[in-house]
């Protein structure tokens, strides 16, 4: 999925699904983001969001990450956020979401 403000790529590696998110995750793009990530989340997969190219995330974007976390957990999967830019990580920590969301420094090697 791609538009001028947000690009979401999904790579099924068998044991997990790596989802690359680039651009801006905000009020105008969260619906498209949720549509792109819902299928593997609802399937109970292990999801790794590679956020190295996510340059902006507002409160709507943070809410979308929380909803994705809840959807994944409800289906029996797990969500990890990888390669966060400093400003995104700061937003997550200021809102105390680091207590809910699993953050890892890098995308794990393929199992």
Protein backbone atom coordinates (compact mmCIF):
# COMPACT_ATOMS: atom_id res chain seq x y z
CA UNK A 1 0.00 0.00 0.00
CA UNK A 2 1.38 3.39 -0.91
CA UNK A 3 0.22 6.96 -1.28
CA UNK A 4 2.18 10.17 -1.24
CA UNK A 5 2.24 10.45 2.57
CA UNK A 6 2.49 6.83 3.73
CA UNK A 7 3.92 3.61 2.37
CA UNK A 8 3.33 0.21 3.98
CA UNK A 9 5.15 -2.90 2.77
CA UNK A 10 4.34 -6.40 4.01
CA UNK A 11 6.92 -9.19 3.85
CA UNK A 12 5.78 -12.63 5.01
CA UNK A 13 8.89 -14.49 6.18
CA UNK A 14 7.01 -17.60 7.26
CA UNK A 15 7.74 -17.45 10.98
CA UNK A 16 6.85 -13.75 11.13
CA UNK A 17 5.67 -10.80 9.07
CA UNK A 18 7.85 -7.70 8.68
CA UNK A 19 5.86 -4.57 7.92
CA UNK A 20 7.84 -1.55 6.77
CA UNK A 21 6.17 1.79 7.41
CA UNK A 22 7.52 4.91 5.72
CA UNK A 23 6.29 8.48 5.70
CA UNK A 24 3.68 9.96 8.01
CA UNK A 25 1.28 8.10 10.28
CA UNK A 26 -1.36 10.66 11.18
CA UNK A 27 -5.09 11.38 11.07
CA UNK A 28 -5.11 11.28 7.28
CA UNK A 29 -3.21 8.00 6.88
CA UNK A 30 -4.21 5.79 9.82
CA UNK A 31 -7.20 4.23 8.04
CA UNK A 32 -5.00 3.08 5.14
CA UNK A 33 -2.39 1.83 7.62
CA UNK A 34 -4.95 -0.20 9.55
CA UNK A 35 -6.36 -1.69 6.36
CA UNK A 36 -2.87 -2.80 5.27
CA UNK A 37 -1.86 -4.37 8.60
CA UNK A 38 -5.16 -5.91 9.71
CA UNK A 39 -4.95 -9.21 7.77
CA UNK A 40 -1.73 -10.53 9.35
CA UNK A 41 -2.75 -9.15 12.76
CA UNK A 42 -6.13 -10.88 12.63
CA UNK A 43 -4.37 -14.11 11.62
CA UNK A 44 -2.49 -14.11 14.95
CA UNK A 45 0.91 -13.69 13.34
CA UNK A 46 4.09 -12.35 14.88
CA UNK A 47 4.38 -8.85 13.46
CA UNK A 48 7.49 -6.70 13.37
CA UNK A 49 6.92 -3.08 12.38
CA UNK A 50 10.08 -1.63 10.85
CA UNK A 51 9.68 2.07 11.56
CA UNK A 52 13.09 3.30 10.36
CA UNK A 53 11.46 5.40 7.63
CA UNK A 54 8.49 6.65 9.68
CA UNK A 55 9.22 10.38 9.91
CA UNK A 56 6.07 11.58 11.70
CA UNK A 57 3.51 10.04 14.02
CA UNK A 58 0.80 12.06 15.75
CA UNK A 59 -1.71 10.97 18.40
CA UNK A 60 -3.87 9.31 15.72
CA UNK A 61 -0.85 7.28 14.63
CA UNK A 62 -0.05 6.29 18.20
CA UNK A 63 -3.67 5.23 18.61
CA UNK A 64 -3.38 3.10 15.46
CA UNK A 65 -0.31 1.36 16.94
CA UNK A 66 -2.22 0.63 20.15
CA UNK A 67 -5.18 -0.74 18.17
CA UNK A 68 -2.82 -2.92 16.13
CA UNK A 69 -1.22 -4.20 19.35
CA UNK A 70 -4.63 -5.10 20.81
CA UNK A 71 -5.80 -6.75 17.58
CA UNK A 72 -2.62 -8.81 17.31
CA UNK A 73 -2.69 -9.91 20.94
CA UNK A 74 -6.40 -10.78 20.78
CA UNK A 75 -5.69 -13.09 17.82
CA UNK A 76 -2.81 -14.77 19.69
CA UNK A 77 0.03 -12.97 17.90
CA UNK A 78 2.71 -10.57 19.00
CA UNK A 79 3.66 -7.07 17.83
CA UNK A 80 7.14 -5.57 18.02
CA UNK A 81 8.23 -2.10 16.93
CA UNK A 82 11.75 -1.97 15.49
CA UNK A 83 14.23 0.71 14.41
CA UNK A 84 12.36 3.69 15.83
CA UNK A 85 13.62 7.17 15.00
CA UNK A 86 14.44 9.19 18.13
CA UNK A 87 11.44 11.54 17.79
CA UNK A 88 9.01 8.62 17.41
CA UNK A 89 10.54 6.80 20.38
CA UNK A 90 10.30 9.99 22.44
CA UNK A 91 6.59 10.33 21.62
CA UNK A 92 6.00 6.72 22.65
CA UNK A 93 7.86 7.21 25.93
CA UNK A 94 6.22 10.55 26.77
CA UNK A 95 2.81 8.92 26.40
CA UNK A 96 3.99 5.92 28.46
CA UNK A 97 3.14 3.57 25.58
CA UNK A 98 6.56 1.93 25.91
CA UNK A 99 4.97 0.06 28.84
CA UNK A 100 2.44 -1.49 26.44
CA UNK A 101 4.27 -1.73 23.12
CA UNK A 102 7.23 -4.08 22.68
CA UNK A 103 10.19 -2.12 21.27
CA UNK A 104 13.29 -3.78 19.80
CA UNK A 105 16.36 -2.05 18.36
CA UNK A 106 16.45 -3.95 15.03
CA UNK A 107 14.39 -6.25 12.87
CA UNK A 108 15.37 -9.76 14.03
CA UNK A 109 17.12 -11.99 11.52
CA UNK A 110 14.86 -14.40 9.71
CA UNK A 111 14.25 -17.54 11.76
